[in-house]
Protein backbone atom coordinates (compact mmCIF):
# COMPACT_ATOMS: atom_id res chain seq x y z
CA MET A 1 -16.84 10.81 0.06
CA SER A 2 -13.93 13.19 -0.37
CA VAL A 3 -10.67 11.74 -1.62
CA THR A 4 -8.74 14.15 0.59
CA THR A 5 -9.36 16.30 3.63
CA VAL A 6 -11.57 19.33 3.02
CA ILE A 7 -8.85 21.85 3.81
CA PHE A 8 -6.52 20.54 1.09
CA GLU A 9 -9.34 19.88 -1.38
CA THR A 10 -10.46 23.51 -1.02
CA LEU A 11 -6.91 24.74 -1.50
CA TRP A 12 -6.42 22.49 -4.55
CA ASN A 13 -9.62 23.79 -6.17
CA GLU A 14 -8.54 27.39 -5.53
CA TYR A 15 -5.15 26.83 -7.15
CA ILE A 16 -6.74 25.10 -10.16
CA PHE A 17 -9.18 28.02 -10.59
CA TRP A 18 -6.45 30.67 -10.59
CA SER A 19 -4.24 28.52 -12.84
CA LEU A 20 -7.05 28.46 -15.41
CA VAL A 21 -7.62 32.22 -15.11
CA VAL A 22 -3.93 33.11 -15.47
CA GLY A 23 -3.48 30.52 -18.24
CA ALA A 24 -6.45 31.88 -20.19
CA ILE A 25 -5.11 35.44 -19.98
CA ALA A 26 -1.51 34.51 -20.83
CA PHE A 27 -2.28 32.16 -23.72
CA GLY A 28 -5.14 34.35 -24.95
CA TRP A 29 -2.75 37.31 -25.12
CA LEU A 30 -0.13 35.15 -26.84
CA TYR A 31 -2.46 33.82 -29.52
CA HIS A 32 -4.05 37.24 -30.08
CA HIS A 33 -0.68 38.85 -30.77
CA SER A 34 0.54 35.88 -32.81
CA PHE A 35 -2.35 36.16 -35.27
CA TRP A 36 -3.14 39.88 -35.07
CA TYR A 37 0.33 41.26 -35.64
CA LEU A 38 1.24 39.41 -38.82
CA SER A 39 3.59 40.65 -41.52
CA LYS A 40 1.79 42.72 -44.09
CA SER A 41 1.73 41.86 -47.76
CA GLY A 42 5.15 42.37 -49.29
CA GLU A 43 6.99 42.39 -45.96
CA VAL A 44 7.81 38.67 -45.87
CA GLY A 45 11.53 38.17 -46.40
CA SER A 46 12.25 41.90 -46.26
CA THR A 47 15.44 42.90 -44.44
CA GLU A 48 14.29 46.49 -44.02
CA ASN A 49 14.03 47.68 -40.38
CA ILE A 50 10.38 48.73 -40.70
CA ASP A 51 9.91 49.67 -37.02
CA ASP A 52 13.31 51.39 -36.76
CA LEU A 53 14.32 49.07 -33.91
CA GLN A 54 17.69 49.56 -32.23
CA VAL A 55 19.58 46.91 -30.30
CA GLY A 56 19.19 47.42 -26.53
CA VAL A 57 16.66 50.26 -26.91
CA PHE A 58 12.97 49.72 -26.16
CA PRO A 59 10.81 51.61 -28.69
CA ARG A 60 9.20 54.43 -26.69
CA HIS A 61 6.07 54.51 -28.84
CA ASN A 62 5.32 51.00 -27.51
CA ASP A 63 5.85 52.04 -23.88
CA ASN A 64 2.78 51.86 -21.62
CA ILE A 65 3.48 52.62 -17.97
CA LYS A 66 -0.04 51.67 -16.84
CA LEU A 67 0.24 48.26 -18.48
CA GLU A 68 3.70 47.69 -17.00
CA VAL A 69 2.49 48.57 -13.50
CA ALA A 70 -0.55 46.32 -13.93
CA TRP A 71 1.40 43.24 -15.01
CA THR A 72 3.77 43.77 -12.08
CA LEU A 73 1.22 44.48 -9.33
CA LEU A 74 -1.52 42.00 -10.25
CA PRO A 75 0.72 38.88 -10.17
CA PHE A 76 2.26 40.17 -6.93
CA ILE A 77 -1.18 40.53 -5.33
CA LEU A 78 -2.19 37.07 -6.56
CA ILE A 79 0.97 35.51 -5.08
CA ILE A 80 0.30 37.22 -1.72
CA TYR A 81 -3.29 35.94 -1.78
CA LEU A 82 -2.27 32.35 -2.60
CA THR A 83 0.35 32.46 0.16
CA TYR A 84 -2.30 33.68 2.60
CA ILE A 85 -4.80 30.90 1.83
CA SER A 86 -1.99 28.31 1.96
CA TRP A 87 -1.07 29.35 5.48
CA ALA A 88 -4.11 27.73 7.12
CA PRO A 89 -3.36 24.19 5.84
CA LEU A 90 0.29 24.53 6.83
CA ASP A 91 -0.65 25.82 10.27
CA ALA A 92 -3.18 23.01 10.71
CA MET A 93 -0.63 20.42 9.62
CA TRP A 94 2.15 21.63 11.92
CA THR A 95 0.09 22.88 14.87
CA SER A 96 1.68 22.24 18.25
CA PRO A 97 0.27 19.43 20.43
CA ILE A 98 0.13 22.02 23.22
CA ASP A 99 -2.65 24.61 22.84
CA GLY A 100 -3.22 23.54 19.24
CA ASN A 101 -6.39 22.57 17.38
CA HIS A 102 -6.70 19.14 18.97
CA GLY A 103 -6.72 19.62 22.74
CA GLY A 104 -4.65 17.27 24.88
CA GLU A 105 -3.96 13.56 24.76
CA CYS A 106 -7.12 11.46 25.10
CA GLU A 107 -7.72 9.55 28.31
CA GLU A 108 -8.70 5.89 28.08
CA GLY A 109 -12.19 5.61 26.62
CA GLU A 110 -12.28 9.27 25.52
CA SER A 111 -13.14 10.19 21.91
CA SER A 112 -11.52 12.89 19.80
CA ASN A 113 -14.91 13.91 18.39
CA ASN A 114 -13.20 15.83 15.58
CA ARG A 115 -15.24 18.19 13.40
CA ILE A 116 -14.71 20.76 10.67
CA LEU A 117 -15.18 24.31 11.90
CA GLU A 118 -17.97 26.07 10.03
CA GLY A 119 -16.71 28.74 7.65
CA SER A 120 -13.06 27.80 8.26
CA ARG A 121 -12.24 26.36 4.80
CA GLY A 122 -11.70 22.94 6.37
CA ILE A 123 -9.90 23.56 9.69
CA ILE A 124 -10.44 20.54 11.98
CA ARG A 125 -10.81 20.79 15.75
CA SER A 126 -10.72 17.87 18.18
CA ASP A 127 -11.48 17.43 21.87
CA CYS A 128 -8.33 15.32 22.25
CA TYR A 129 -5.96 13.12 20.24
CA HIS A 130 -4.43 9.64 20.35
CA ILE A 131 -0.70 8.99 20.01
CA ILE A 132 0.69 6.34 17.65
CA GLU A 133 4.20 5.66 16.39
CA ILE A 134 5.53 5.21 12.86
CA THR A 135 9.03 3.87 12.22
CA ALA A 136 10.50 3.90 8.72
CA GLN A 137 13.30 1.78 7.32
CA GLN A 138 14.38 0.58 3.88
CA TRP A 139 11.78 -0.26 2.59
CA PHE A 140 9.05 -0.85 5.14
CA TRP A 141 6.74 1.01 7.52
CA SER A 142 6.20 -0.14 11.11
CA PHE A 143 3.02 1.07 12.84
CA ASP A 144 2.66 0.90 16.63
CA CYS A 145 -0.66 1.62 18.34
CA LEU A 146 0.99 1.63 21.78
CA ASP A 147 -1.67 1.08 24.48
CA LEU A 148 -4.69 2.06 22.36
CA SER A 149 -7.62 -0.33 22.10
CA THR A 150 -8.03 -2.24 18.84
CA GLU A 151 -11.23 -0.26 18.19
CA ILE A 152 -9.22 2.97 18.07
CA CYS A 153 -6.09 1.63 16.36
CA ASP A 154 -4.93 -1.71 15.02
CA THR A 155 -2.34 -3.09 12.61
CA ASP A 156 -2.04 -6.00 10.23
CA ILE A 157 -0.21 -7.17 7.10
CA GLU A 158 -1.99 -6.91 3.75
CA SER A 159 -1.00 -8.42 0.41
CA MET A 160 -1.28 -5.93 -2.45
CA GLU A 161 -0.65 -6.40 -6.15
CA VAL A 162 2.67 -4.88 -7.27
CA TYR A 163 3.65 -3.94 -3.70
CA GLY A 164 3.56 -7.43 -2.16
CA SER A 165 3.07 -7.68 1.62
CA VAL A 166 2.55 -4.24 3.15
CA PRO A 167 1.67 -3.08 6.68
CA GLU A 168 -1.93 -2.00 7.23
CA LEU A 169 -3.03 0.63 9.73
CA PHE A 170 -6.63 0.62 10.99
CA LEU A 171 -7.94 3.92 12.38
CA LYS A 172 -11.40 5.06 13.46
CA ARG A 173 -13.49 7.81 11.87
CA GLY A 174 -14.05 10.83 14.08
CA GLU A 175 -10.73 10.30 15.87
CA THR A 176 -7.56 12.38 15.60
CA TYR A 177 -4.09 10.84 15.84
CA LEU A 178 -0.65 12.32 16.41
CA ALA A 179 2.02 10.15 14.80
CA ASN A 180 5.44 10.31 16.44
CA MET A 181 7.87 9.24 13.74
CA THR A 182 11.50 8.34 13.21
CA SER A 183 13.71 6.48 10.73
CA LEU A 184 16.20 3.68 11.31
CA ASP A 185 18.36 4.41 8.26
CA VAL A 186 17.75 7.16 5.69
CA THR A 187 15.19 9.92 5.28
CA HIS A 188 11.70 8.72 4.39
CA ALA A 189 8.33 10.51 4.31
CA PRO A 190 4.97 8.77 4.82
CA TRP A 191 2.46 10.27 2.39
CA PHE A 192 -1.13 9.62 3.46
CA GLN A 193 -2.67 10.17 0.04
CA HIS A 194 -6.32 10.71 0.97
CA LEU A 195 -5.40 12.96 3.88
CA GLY A 196 -3.18 15.09 1.66
CA THR A 197 -0.42 15.13 4.29
CA LYS A 198 3.17 13.93 4.52
CA GLU A 199 6.18 14.59 6.73
CA ASP A 200 9.83 13.53 6.70
CA THR A 201 11.13 10.85 9.05
CA VAL A 202 14.76 11.59 9.83
CA PRO A 203 17.37 9.21 11.30
CA GLY A 204 18.13 10.09 14.92
CA GLN A 205 15.30 12.64 15.11
CA ASN A 206 11.63 12.57 16.07
CA THR A 207 9.07 14.24 13.81
CA GLN A 208 5.30 14.45 14.11
CA LEU A 209 2.31 14.31 11.77
CA TRP A 210 -1.37 14.92 12.50
CA LEU A 211 -3.84 12.36 11.16
CA PRO A 212 -7.40 13.66 11.65
CA ILE A 213 -9.73 10.90 10.43
CA THR A 214 -12.96 12.74 9.66
CA LEU A 215 -16.38 11.15 9.20
CA ASP A 216 -16.22 11.49 5.39
CA MET A 217 -12.79 9.84 5.08
CA THR A 218 -12.56 7.18 2.36
CA GLU A 219 -12.49 3.62 3.64
CA GLU A 220 -9.15 2.60 2.10
CA SER A 221 -6.17 4.58 0.86
CA MET A 222 -2.46 4.19 0.18
CA ILE A 223 0.52 5.25 2.26
CA LEU A 224 3.57 5.84 0.06
CA CYS A 225 7.08 7.17 0.63
CA ALA A 226 7.56 10.71 -0.68
CA GLU A 227 11.36 10.87 -0.26
CA TYR A 228 13.68 8.87 -2.52
CA CYS A 229 15.19 6.28 -0.19
CA GLY A 230 16.97 3.76 -2.40
CA ASP A 231 16.36 0.95 -4.86
CA ALA A 232 12.91 -0.14 -3.61
CA HIS A 233 11.58 3.37 -2.91
CA SER A 234 8.74 2.97 -5.42
CA VAL A 235 7.30 -0.06 -3.63
CA MET A 236 7.66 1.22 -0.05
CA ALA A 237 3.95 1.27 0.65
CA GLY A 238 1.38 0.81 3.36
CA LYS A 239 -2.40 0.80 3.57
CA LEU A 240 -4.70 2.96 5.66
CA SER A 241 -8.12 1.50 6.46
CA VAL A 242 -10.72 3.47 8.41
CA HIS A 243 -13.93 2.28 10.04
CA ASP A 244 -16.87 3.67 12.00
């Protein structure tokens, strides 16, 4: 099973690949020049200006316009490409409830039937979605399933080592949830680790976060706070449990 949603796992792998490529080129170039262009015998300790360098003047015999254009354009193209492939996860994460990827609110007894669109790099579509509420406060999460059946959504309290008693949220695989969120005190941000998503909860404001629970979602994962919120920020945790 994937430890995160496909769309973010694909993006992560792409970023790692290009990081390795750019790192290999940059450090390869660095080490090549460090060992290739060494002082010749008898030059060590010499104060003579062998290359006739002048302060503030680039030596024209070392100028290479093609190389300069290449190391300007290629990184620019790579940045544009990475921005482009990052747009889909951001759009999927912040899609509007109206005319978005997840239809309208589910009627009683209706299933989201979410699925990954073929060839979409992980975009998830749903027939409908369920609404839940998340309220943050120092230093605790409150989950509310509203009128949903316990099969679709349920809550409990779980005891976890280090974190103590934490709220537990039970969601169903194949269902998509829209979390309406707010905070009672300071800014928090629930980070659903294995979904790869997080969103701020702001005092006096309502924010939203999509939680598409796909069929390959891991059974248990952590919910942590991603915004520093005071003394006990590091132990402001929750647990997400999913079932068939």
